[in-house]
Amino acid sequence: MNQVITAEDVFLQVKQMPKKERLKFFSLIATNAFQDEVSTHDQVFGHLKQTTFSAEEAAQYLEISLPTLRRYVQTEKLKPTQVIGRSQLFSTGDLRRLKQKRA
């Protein structure tokens, strides 16, 4: 007879482990659990294709400061896809292309 261990059971067991053992456990998971999985960009981020980013989110995605993002908009390196009041929204595709150009 097979005994089924649920995620809740594992969680409770991990919670009871000494701190050093928990660190080892998560280290093992990080280094071994996902080695066989090879995911494409679309598999990981495909759900974001139609998403828009706020200025703050766009700056974070591009790994630049908000003032630098504003300069990109002023110099037309990047155009908002939508403006709602004072808020600018940017498309995922435009941000991705700009990030690739900067690389």
PDB file of N, CA and C in Angstrom:
ATOM      1  N   MET A   1       0.836  -1.179   0.000  1.00  0.00           N
ATOM      2  CA  MET A   1       0.000   0.000   0.000  1.00  0.00           C
ATOM      3  C   MET A   1       0.882   1.244   0.000  1.00  0.00           C
ATOM      4  N   ASN A   2       0.628   2.157  -0.917  1.00  0.00           N
ATOM      5  CA  ASN A   2       1.407   3.386  -1.021  1.00  0.00           C
ATOM      6  C   ASN A   2       0.878   4.451  -0.078  1.00  0.00           C
ATOM      7  N   GLN A   3       1.798   5.060   0.640  1.00  0.00           N
ATOM      8  CA  GLN A   3       1.404   6.143   1.527  1.00  0.00           C
ATOM      9  C   GLN A   3       1.636   7.455   0.791  1.00  0.00           C
ATOM     10  N   VAL A   4       0.646   8.296   0.770  1.00  0.00           N
ATOM     11  CA  VAL A   4       0.735   9.573   0.067  1.00  0.00           C
ATOM     12  C   VAL A   4       1.091  10.660   1.078  1.00  0.00           C
ATOM     13  N   ILE A   5       2.110  11.430   0.740  1.00  0.00           N
ATOM     14  CA  ILE A   5       2.516  12.560   1.573  1.00  0.00           C
ATOM     15  C   ILE A   5       2.019  13.826   0.897  1.00  0.00           C
ATOM     16  N   THR A   6       1.297  14.619   1.618  1.00  0.00           N
ATOM     17  CA  THR A   6       0.767  15.858   1.048  1.00  0.00           C
ATOM     18  C   THR A   6       1.756  17.002   1.257  1.00  0.00           C
ATOM     19  N   ALA A   7       1.528  18.065   0.542  1.00  0.00           N
ATOM     20  CA  ALA A   7       2.367  19.259   0.690  1.00  0.00           C
ATOM     21  C   ALA A   7       2.285  19.800   2.109  1.00  0.00           C
ATOM     22  N   GLU A   8       1.105  19.710   2.702  1.00  0.00           N
ATOM     23  CA  GLU A   8       0.940  20.178   4.084  1.00  0.00           C
ATOM     24  C   GLU A   8       1.786  19.354   5.048  1.00  0.00           C
ATOM     25  N   ASP A   9       1.845  18.021   4.810  1.00  0.00           N
ATOM     26  CA  ASP A   9       2.665  17.142   5.648  1.00  0.00           C
ATOM     27  C   ASP A   9       4.141  17.533   5.559  1.00  0.00           C
ATOM     28  N   VAL A  10       4.589  17.761   4.333  1.00  0.00           N
ATOM     29  CA  VAL A  10       5.995  18.139   4.131  1.00  0.00           C
ATOM     30  C   VAL A  10       6.269  19.467   4.825  1.00  0.00           C
ATOM     31  N   PHE A  11       5.361  20.408   4.670  1.00  0.00           N
ATOM     32  CA  PHE A  11       5.534  21.716   5.301  1.00  0.00           C
ATOM     33  C   PHE A  11       5.683  21.582   6.810  1.00  0.00           C
ATOM     34  N   LEU A  12       4.816  20.786   7.423  1.00  0.00           N
ATOM     35  CA  LEU A  12       4.880  20.602   8.877  1.00  0.00           C
ATOM     36  C   LEU A  12       6.198  19.953   9.300  1.00  0.00           C
ATOM     37  N   GLN A  13       6.668  18.996   8.504  1.00  0.00           N
ATOM     38  CA  GLN A  13       7.939  18.344   8.822  1.00  0.00           C
ATOM     39  C   GLN A  13       9.105  19.323   8.676  1.00  0.00           C
ATOM     40  N   VAL A  14       9.085  20.112   7.630  1.00  0.00           N
ATOM     41  CA  VAL A  14      10.156  21.091   7.415  1.00  0.00           C
ATOM     42  C   VAL A  14      10.150  22.125   8.534  1.00  0.00           C
ATOM     43  N   LYS A  15       8.978  22.516   8.955  1.00  0.00           N
ATOM     44  CA  LYS A  15       8.836  23.498  10.030  1.00  0.00           C
ATOM     45  C   LYS A  15       9.463  22.996  11.339  1.00  0.00           C
ATOM     46  N   GLN A  16       9.447  21.690  11.538  1.00  0.00           N
ATOM     47  CA  GLN A  16       9.988  21.103  12.760  1.00  0.00           C
ATOM     48  C   GLN A  16      11.498  20.856  12.684  1.00  0.00           C
ATOM     49  N   MET A  17      12.084  20.992  11.521  1.00  0.00           N
ATOM     50  CA  MET A  17      13.523  20.750  11.361  1.00  0.00           C
ATOM     51  C   MET A  17      14.329  21.827  12.064  1.00  0.00           C
ATOM     52  N   PRO A  18      15.538  21.473  12.542  1.00  0.00           N
ATOM     53  CA  PRO A  18      16.451  22.504  13.050  1.00  0.00           C
ATOM     54  C   PRO A  18      16.829  23.434  11.892  1.00  0.00           C
ATOM     55  N   LYS A  19      17.197  24.651  12.223  1.00  0.00           N
ATOM     56  CA  LYS A  19      17.478  25.672  11.214  1.00  0.00           C
ATOM     57  C   LYS A  19      18.531  25.205  10.201  1.00  0.00           C
ATOM     58  N   LYS A  20      19.613  24.584  10.673  1.00  0.00           N
ATOM     59  CA  LYS A  20      20.665  24.132   9.749  1.00  0.00           C
ATOM     60  C   LYS A  20      20.142  23.105   8.752  1.00  0.00           C
ATOM     61  N   GLU A  21      19.276  22.218   9.223  1.00  0.00           N
ATOM     62  CA  GLU A  21      18.715  21.209   8.330  1.00  0.00           C
ATOM     63  C   GLU A  21      17.769  21.833   7.306  1.00  0.00           C
ATOM     64  N   ARG A  22      16.996  22.830   7.738  1.00  0.00           N
ATOM     65  CA  ARG A  22      16.118  23.536   6.794  1.00  0.00           C
ATOM     66  C   ARG A  22      16.938  24.198   5.702  1.00  0.00           C
ATOM     67  N   LEU A  23      18.052  24.855   6.088  1.00  0.00           N
ATOM     68  CA  LEU A  23      18.913  25.499   5.095  1.00  0.00           C
ATOM     69  C   LEU A  23      19.466  24.480   4.109  1.00  0.00           C
ATOM     70  N   LYS A  24      19.890  23.327   4.607  1.00  0.00           N
ATOM     71  CA  LYS A  24      20.380  22.257   3.726  1.00  0.00           C
ATOM     72  C   LYS A  24      19.278  21.781   2.788  1.00  0.00           C
ATOM     73  N   PHE A  25      18.084  21.605   3.355  1.00  0.00           N
ATOM     74  CA  PHE A  25      16.949  21.126   2.579  1.00  0.00           C
ATOM     75  C   PHE A  25      16.634  22.062   1.410  1.00  0.00           C
ATOM     76  N   PHE A  26      16.533  23.354   1.706  1.00  0.00           N
ATOM     77  CA  PHE A  26      16.206  24.303   0.643  1.00  0.00           C
ATOM     78  C   PHE A  26      17.357  24.482  -0.339  1.00  0.00           C
ATOM     79  N   SER A  27      18.557  24.324   0.124  1.00  0.00           N
ATOM     80  CA  SER A  27      19.713  24.359  -0.766  1.00  0.00           C
ATOM     81  C   SER A  27      19.664  23.183  -1.742  1.00  0.00           C
ATOM     82  N   LEU A  28      19.327  22.017  -1.231  1.00  0.00           N
ATOM     83  CA  LEU A  28      19.186  20.839  -2.103  1.00  0.00           C
ATOM     84  C   LEU A  28      18.084  21.039  -3.133  1.00  0.00           C
ATOM     85  N   ILE A  29      16.980  21.602  -2.700  1.00  0.00           N
ATOM     86  CA  ILE A  29      15.883  21.860  -3.640  1.00  0.00           C
ATOM     87  C   ILE A  29      16.339  22.840  -4.720  1.00  0.00           C
ATOM     88  N   ALA A  30      16.990  23.917  -4.293  1.00  0.00           N
ATOM     89  CA  ALA A  30      17.422  24.946  -5.245  1.00  0.00           C
ATOM     90  C   ALA A  30      18.407  24.404  -6.270  1.00  0.00           C
ATOM     91  N   THR A  31      19.305  23.536  -5.836  1.00  0.00           N
ATOM     92  CA  THR A  31      20.327  23.047  -6.771  1.00  0.00           C
ATOM     93  C   THR A  31      19.912  21.830  -7.570  1.00  0.00           C
ATOM     94  N   ASN A  32      18.940  21.060  -7.085  1.00  0.00           N
ATOM     95  CA  ASN A  32      18.620  19.805  -7.749  1.00  0.00           C
ATOM     96  C   ASN A  32      17.214  19.680  -8.324  1.00  0.00           C
ATOM     97  N   ALA A  33      16.267  20.329  -7.744  1.00  0.00           N
ATOM     98  CA  ALA A  33      14.876  20.052  -8.091  1.00  0.00           C
ATOM     99  C   ALA A  33      14.492  20.435  -9.506  1.00  0.00           C
ATOM    100  N   PHE A  34      15.048  21.490 -10.038  1.00  0.00           N
ATOM    101  CA  PHE A  34      14.583  21.991 -11.330  1.00  0.00           C
ATOM    102  C   PHE A  34      15.630  21.886 -12.431  1.00  0.00           C
ATOM    103  N   GLN A  35      16.622  21.043 -12.248  1.00  0.00           N
ATOM    104  CA  GLN A  35      17.688  20.924 -13.246  1.00  0.00           C
ATOM    105  C   GLN A  35      17.186  20.428 -14.594  1.00  0.00           C
ATOM    106  N   ASP A  36      16.228  19.539 -14.597  1.00  0.00           N
ATOM    107  CA  ASP A  36      15.756  18.953 -15.848  1.00  0.00           C
ATOM    108  C   ASP A  36      14.805  19.856 -16.609  1.00  0.00           C
ATOM    109  N   GLU A  37      14.276  20.860 -15.941  1.00  0.00           N
ATOM    110  CA  GLU A  37      13.332  21.747 -16.595  1.00  0.00           C
ATOM    111  C   GLU A  37      14.065  22.840 -17.371  1.00  0.00           C
ATOM    112  N   VAL A  38      13.761  22.936 -18.628  1.00  0.00           N
ATOM    113  CA  VAL A  38      14.290  24.012 -19.454  1.00  0.00           C
ATOM    114  C   VAL A  38      13.089  24.778 -19.969  1.00  0.00           C
ATOM    115  N   SER A  39      12.933  25.995 -19.495  1.00  0.00           N
ATOM    116  CA  SER A  39      11.770  26.791 -19.865  1.00  0.00           C
ATOM    117  C   SER A  39      12.179  27.911 -20.806  1.00  0.00           C
ATOM    118  N   THR A  40      11.353  28.143 -21.790  1.00  0.00           N
ATOM    119  CA  THR A  40      11.594  29.242 -22.706  1.00  0.00           C
ATOM    120  C   THR A  40      11.085  30.538 -22.079  1.00  0.00           C
ATOM    121  N   HIS A  41      11.473  31.631 -22.648  1.00  0.00           N
ATOM    122  CA  HIS A  41      11.010  32.935 -22.180  1.00  0.00           C
ATOM    123  C   HIS A  41       9.481  32.993 -22.221  1.00  0.00           C
ATOM    124  N   ASP A  42       8.898  32.491 -23.308  1.00  0.00           N
ATOM    125  CA  ASP A  42       7.439  32.529 -23.447  1.00  0.00           C
ATOM    126  C   ASP A  42       6.737  31.660 -22.406  1.00  0.00           C
ATOM    127  N   GLN A  43       7.342  30.521 -22.042  1.00  0.00           N
ATOM    128  CA  GLN A  43       6.726  29.672 -21.029  1.00  0.00           C
ATOM    129  C   GLN A  43       6.705  30.369 -19.670  1.00  0.00           C
ATOM    130  N   VAL A  44       7.748  31.118 -19.381  1.00  0.00           N
ATOM    131  CA  VAL A  44       7.831  31.776 -18.082  1.00  0.00           C
ATOM    132  C   VAL A  44       7.062  33.088 -18.070  1.00  0.00           C
ATOM    133  N   PHE A  45       7.205  33.889 -19.137  1.00  0.00           N
ATOM    134  CA  PHE A  45       6.643  35.241 -19.143  1.00  0.00           C
ATOM    135  C   PHE A  45       5.533  35.446 -20.166  1.00  0.00           C
ATOM    136  N   GLY A  46       5.106  34.403 -20.830  1.00  0.00           N
ATOM    137  CA  GLY A  46       4.094  34.526 -21.879  1.00  0.00           C
ATOM    138  C   GLY A  46       2.807  35.178 -21.424  1.00  0.00           C
ATOM    139  N   HIS A  47       2.427  34.938 -20.183  1.00  0.00           N
ATOM    140  CA  HIS A  47       1.183  35.517 -19.672  1.00  0.00           C
ATOM    141  C   HIS A  47       1.254  37.037 -19.555  1.00  0.00           C
ATOM    142  N   LEU A  48       2.455  37.609 -19.677  1.00  0.00           N
ATOM    143  CA  LEU A  48       2.616  39.061 -19.552  1.00  0.00           C
ATOM    144  C   LEU A  48       2.579  39.785 -20.897  1.00  0.00           C
ATOM    145  N   LYS A  49       2.409  39.049 -21.997  1.00  0.00           N
ATOM    146  CA  LYS A  49       2.465  39.674 -23.325  1.00  0.00           C
ATOM    147  C   LYS A  49       1.497  40.839 -23.479  1.00  0.00           C
ATOM    148  N   GLN A  50       0.316  40.716 -22.961  1.00  0.00           N
ATOM    149  CA  GLN A  50      -0.691  41.767 -23.117  1.00  0.00           C
ATOM    150  C   GLN A  50      -0.763  42.699 -21.913  1.00  0.00           C
ATOM    151  N   THR A  51       0.152  42.518 -20.964  1.00  0.00           N
ATOM    152  CA  THR A  51       0.143  43.322 -19.748  1.00  0.00           C
ATOM    153  C   THR A  51       0.823  44.663 -19.994  1.00  0.00           C
ATOM    154  N   THR A  52       0.344  45.691 -19.313  1.00  0.00           N
ATOM    155  CA  THR A  52       1.030  46.977 -19.356  1.00  0.00           C
ATOM    156  C   THR A  52       1.677  47.226 -18.001  1.00  0.00           C
ATOM    157  N   PHE A  53       2.753  47.969 -18.027  1.00  0.00           N
ATOM    158  CA  PHE A  53       3.503  48.292 -16.831  1.00  0.00           C
ATOM    159  C   PHE A  53       3.363  49.778 -16.515  1.00  0.00           C
ATOM    160  N   SER A  54       3.264  50.101 -15.250  1.00  0.00           N
ATOM    161  CA  SER A  54       3.293  51.507 -14.838  1.00  0.00           C
ATOM    162  C   SER A  54       4.720  52.018 -15.029  1.00  0.00           C
ATOM    163  N   ALA A  55       4.913  53.305 -14.884  1.00  0.00           N
ATOM    164  CA  ALA A  55       6.257  53.880 -15.045  1.00  0.00           C
ATOM    165  C   ALA A  55       7.227  53.264 -14.036  1.00  0.00           C
ATOM    166  N   GLU A  56       6.787  53.121 -12.791  1.00  0.00           N
ATOM    167  CA  GLU A  56       7.649  52.542 -11.756  1.00  0.00           C
ATOM    168  C   GLU A  56       8.018  51.098 -12.085  1.00  0.00           C
ATOM    169  N   GLU A  57       7.017  50.317 -12.526  1.00  0.00           N
ATOM    170  CA  GLU A  57       7.268  48.926 -12.888  1.00  0.00           C
ATOM    171  C   GLU A  57       8.174  48.825 -14.106  1.00  0.00           C
ATOM    172  N   ALA A  58       7.970  49.725 -15.079  1.00  0.00           N
ATOM    173  CA  ALA A  58       8.796  49.728 -16.286  1.00  0.00           C
ATOM    174  C   ALA A  58      10.252  50.045 -15.942  1.00  0.00           C
ATOM    175  N   ALA A  59      10.456  51.009 -15.073  1.00  0.00           N
ATOM    176  CA  ALA A  59      11.825  51.355 -14.662  1.00  0.00           C
ATOM    177  C   ALA A  59      12.478  50.171 -13.957  1.00  0.00           C
ATOM    178  N   GLN A  60      11.729  49.508 -13.118  1.00  0.00           N
ATOM    179  CA  GLN A  60      12.268  48.339 -12.413  1.00  0.00           C
ATOM    180  C   GLN A  60      12.600  47.232 -13.409  1.00  0.00           C
ATOM    181  N   TYR A  61      11.727  46.976 -14.367  1.00  0.00           N
ATOM    182  CA  TYR A  61      11.959  45.957 -15.388  1.00  0.00           C
ATOM    183  C   TYR A  61      13.222  46.268 -16.201  1.00  0.00           C
ATOM    184  N   LEU A  62      13.385  47.543 -16.547  1.00  0.00           N
ATOM    185  CA  LEU A  62      14.550  47.954 -17.345  1.00  0.00           C
ATOM    186  C   LEU A  62      15.822  48.116 -16.499  1.00  0.00           C
ATOM    187  N   GLU A  63      15.651  48.049 -15.177  1.00  0.00           N
ATOM    188  CA  GLU A  63      16.763  48.212 -14.243  1.00  0.00           C
ATOM    189  C   GLU A  63      17.397  49.594 -14.372  1.00  0.00           C
ATOM    190  N   ILE A  64      16.514  50.590 -14.428  1.00  0.00           N
ATOM    191  CA  ILE A  64      16.945  51.985 -14.503  1.00  0.00           C
ATOM    192  C   ILE A  64      16.141  52.777 -13.468  1.00  0.00           C
ATOM    193  N   SER A  65      16.563  54.000 -13.243  1.00  0.00           N
ATOM    194  CA  SER A  65      15.829  54.855 -12.310  1.00  0.00           C
ATOM    195  C   SER A  65      14.610  55.439 -13.001  1.00  0.00           C
ATOM    196  N   LEU A  66      13.672  55.902 -12.210  1.00  0.00           N
ATOM    197  CA  LEU A  66      12.472  56.541 -12.759  1.00  0.00           C
ATOM    198  C   LEU A  66      12.824  57.809 -13.547  1.00  0.00           C
ATOM    199  N   PRO A  67      13.764  58.660 -13.058  1.00  0.00           N
ATOM    200  CA  PRO A  67      14.150  59.817 -13.879  1.00  0.00           C
ATOM    201  C   PRO A  67      14.738  59.412 -15.239  1.00  0.00           C
ATOM    202  N   THR A  68      15.484  58.322 -15.287  1.00  0.00           N
ATOM    203  CA  THR A  68      16.029  57.849 -16.568  1.00  0.00           C
ATOM    204  C   THR A  68      14.905  57.396 -17.476  1.00  0.00           C
ATOM    205  N   LEU A  69      13.905  56.711 -16.934  1.00  0.00           N
ATOM    206  CA  LEU A  69      12.750  56.307 -17.725  1.00  0.00           C
ATOM    207  C   LEU A  69      12.047  57.534 -18.283  1.00  0.00           C
ATOM    208  N   ARG A  70      11.888  58.558 -17.469  1.00  0.00           N
ATOM    209  CA  ARG A  70      11.242  59.794 -17.931  1.00  0.00           C
ATOM    210  C   ARG A  70      12.044  60.428 -19.075  1.00  0.00           C
ATOM    211  N   ARG A  71      13.372  60.380 -18.983  1.00  0.00           N
ATOM    212  CA  ARG A  71      14.213  60.910 -20.076  1.00  0.00           C
ATOM    213  C   ARG A  71      14.013  60.095 -21.356  1.00  0.00           C
ATOM    214  N   TYR A  72      13.896  58.775 -21.217  1.00  0.00           N
ATOM    215  CA  TYR A  72      13.636  57.929 -22.390  1.00  0.00           C
ATOM    216  C   TYR A  72      12.328  58.333 -23.065  1.00  0.00           C
ATOM    217  N   VAL A  73      11.324  58.658 -22.265  1.00  0.00           N
ATOM    218  CA  VAL A  73      10.036  59.085 -22.820  1.00  0.00           C
ATOM    219  C   VAL A  73      10.186  60.446 -23.494  1.00  0.00           C
ATOM    220  N   GLN A  74      10.893  61.379 -22.846  1.00  0.00           N
ATOM    221  CA  GLN A  74      11.087  62.720 -23.425  1.00  0.00           C
ATOM    222  C   GLN A  74      11.849  62.661 -24.742  1.00  0.00           C
ATOM    223  N   THR A  75      12.841  61.774 -24.832  1.00  0.00           N
ATOM    224  CA  THR A  75      13.648  61.663 -26.052  1.00  0.00           C
ATOM    225  C   THR A  75      13.060  60.661 -27.043  1.00  0.00           C
ATOM    226  N   GLU A  76      11.883  60.135 -26.726  1.00  0.00           N
ATOM    227  CA  GLU A  76      11.139  59.198 -27.563  1.00  0.00           C
ATOM    228  C   GLU A  76      11.863  57.880 -27.815  1.00  0.00           C
ATOM    229  N   LYS A  77      12.747  57.495 -26.911  1.00  0.00           N
ATOM    230  CA  LYS A  77      13.317  56.145 -26.967  1.00  0.00           C
ATOM    231  C   LYS A  77      12.260  55.129 -26.558  1.00  0.00           C
ATOM    232  N   LEU A  78      11.275  55.613 -25.792  1.00  0.00           N
ATOM    233  CA  LEU A  78      10.185  54.773 -25.307  1.00  0.00           C
ATOM    234  C   LEU A  78       8.912  55.606 -25.308  1.00  0.00           C
ATOM    235  N   LYS A  79       7.848  55.032 -25.840  1.00  0.00           N
ATOM    236  CA  LYS A  79       6.566  55.738 -25.862  1.00  0.00           C
ATOM    237  C   LYS A  79       5.555  54.959 -25.035  1.00  0.00           C
ATOM    238  N   PRO A  80       4.795  55.658 -24.206  1.00  0.00           N
ATOM    239  CA  PRO A  80       3.743  54.973 -23.458  1.00  0.00           C
ATOM    240  C   PRO A  80       2.661  54.476 -24.422  1.00  0.00           C
ATOM    241  N   THR A  81       2.121  53.307 -24.145  1.00  0.00           N
ATOM    242  CA  THR A  81       1.047  52.785 -24.992  1.00  0.00           C
ATOM    243  C   THR A  81      -0.296  53.354 -24.577  1.00  0.00           C
ATOM    244  N   GLN A  82      -0.365  53.865 -23.355  1.00  0.00           N
ATOM    245  CA  GLN A  82      -1.618  54.433 -22.867  1.00  0.00           C
ATOM    246  C   GLN A  82      -1.289  55.467 -21.799  1.00  0.00           C
ATOM    247  N   VAL A  83      -2.051  56.547 -21.792  1.00  0.00           N
ATOM    248  CA  VAL A  83      -1.914  57.569 -20.757  1.00  0.00           C
ATOM    249  C   VAL A  83      -3.274  57.738 -20.100  1.00  0.00           C
ATOM    250  N   ILE A  84      -3.300  57.561 -18.785  1.00  0.00           N
ATOM    251  CA  ILE A  84      -4.532  57.723 -18.024  1.00  0.00           C
ATOM    252  C   ILE A  84      -4.277  58.816 -16.995  1.00  0.00           C
ATOM    253  N   GLY A  85      -4.839  59.982 -17.227  1.00  0.00           N
ATOM    254  CA  GLY A  85      -4.545  61.121 -16.359  1.00  0.00           C
ATOM    255  C   GLY A  85      -3.062  61.445 -16.468  1.00  0.00           C
ATOM    256  N   ARG A  86      -2.369  61.400 -15.349  1.00  0.00           N
ATOM    257  CA  ARG A  86      -0.915  61.647 -15.354  1.00  0.00           C
ATOM    258  C   ARG A  86      -0.111  60.351 -15.401  1.00  0.00           C
ATOM    259  N   SER A  87      -0.799  59.218 -15.395  1.00  0.00           N
ATOM    260  CA  SER A  87      -0.119  57.923 -15.387  1.00  0.00           C
ATOM    261  C   SER A  87       0.148  57.437 -16.800  1.00  0.00           C
ATOM    262  N   GLN A  88       1.355  56.962 -17.011  1.00  0.00           N
ATOM    263  CA  GLN A  88       1.730  56.399 -18.301  1.00  0.00           C
ATOM    264  C   GLN A  88       1.872  54.887 -18.142  1.00  0.00           C
ATOM    265  N   LEU A  89       1.366  54.151 -19.133  1.00  0.00           N
ATOM    266  CA  LEU A  89       1.487  52.698 -19.142  1.00  0.00           C
ATOM    267  C   LEU A  89       2.311  52.281 -20.348  1.00  0.00           C
ATOM    268  N   PHE A  90       3.147  51.251 -20.151  1.00  0.00           N
ATOM    269  CA  PHE A  90       4.086  50.818 -21.185  1.00  0.00           C
ATOM    270  C   PHE A  90       3.848  49.350 -21.506  1.00  0.00           C
ATOM    271  N   SER A  91       3.934  49.001 -22.790  1.00  0.00           N
ATOM    272  CA  SER A  91       3.683  47.617 -23.201  1.00  0.00           C
ATOM    273  C   SER A  91       4.896  46.746 -22.911  1.00  0.00           C
ATOM    274  N   THR A  92       4.619  45.493 -22.672  1.00  0.00           N
ATOM    275  CA  THR A  92       5.676  44.520 -22.404  1.00  0.00           C
ATOM    276  C   THR A  92       6.615  44.410 -23.598  1.00  0.00           C
ATOM    277  N   GLY A  93       6.053  44.369 -24.793  1.00  0.00           N
ATOM    278  CA  GLY A  93       6.870  44.240 -26.003  1.00  0.00           C
ATOM    279  C   GLY A  93       7.834  45.397 -26.183  1.00  0.00           C
ATOM    280  N   ASP A  94       7.347  46.629 -25.970  1.00  0.00           N
ATOM    281  CA  ASP A  94       8.211  47.803 -26.102  1.00  0.00           C
ATOM    282  C   ASP A  94       9.339  47.777 -25.074  1.00  0.00           C
ATOM    283  N   LEU A  95       8.995  47.385 -23.852  1.00  0.00           N
ATOM    284  CA  LEU A  95      10.024  47.328 -22.796  1.00  0.00           C
ATOM    285  C   LEU A  95      11.057  46.252 -23.109  1.00  0.00           C
ATOM    286  N   ARG A  96      10.601  45.127 -23.593  1.00  0.00           N
ATOM    287  CA  ARG A  96      11.519  44.029 -23.927  1.00  0.00           C
ATOM    288  C   ARG A  96      12.479  44.452 -25.059  1.00  0.00           C
ATOM    289  N   ARG A  97      11.924  45.098 -26.100  1.00  0.00           N
ATOM    290  CA  ARG A  97      12.779  45.545 -27.210  1.00  0.00           C
ATOM    291  C   ARG A  97      13.824  46.557 -26.738  1.00  0.00           C
ATOM    292  N   LEU A  98      13.406  47.488 -25.895  1.00  0.00           N
ATOM    293  CA  LEU A  98      14.338  48.488 -25.393  1.00  0.00           C
ATOM    294  C   LEU A  98      15.419  47.835 -24.522  1.00  0.00           C
ATOM    295  N   LYS A  99      15.022  46.889 -23.720  1.00  0.00           N
ATOM    296  CA  LYS A  99      15.984  46.196 -22.864  1.00  0.00           C
ATOM    297  C   LYS A  99      17.000  45.422 -23.724  1.00  0.00           C
ATOM    298  N   GLN A 100      16.530  44.805 -24.793  1.00  0.00           N
ATOM    299  CA  GLN A 100      17.444  44.078 -25.688  1.00  0.00           C
ATOM    300  C   GLN A 100      18.408  45.026 -26.390  1.00  0.00           C
ATOM    301  N   LYS A 101      17.932  46.214 -26.771  1.00  0.00           N
ATOM    302  CA  LYS A 101      18.799  47.209 -27.416  1.00  0.00           C
ATOM    303  C   LYS A 101      19.894  47.678 -26.452  1.00  0.00           C
ATOM    304  N   ARG A 102      19.529  47.811 -25.181  1.00  0.00           N
ATOM    305  CA  ARG A 102      20.475  48.317 -24.174  1.00  0.00           C
ATOM    306  C   ARG A 102      21.514  47.274 -23.801  1.00  0.00           C
ATOM    307  N   ALA A 103      21.228  45.996 -24.064  1.00  0.00           N
ATOM    308  CA  ALA A 103      22.149  44.922 -23.645  1.00  0.00           C
ATOM    309  C   ALA A 103      23.396  44.854 -24.495  1.00  0.00           C
TER     310      ALA A 103
END
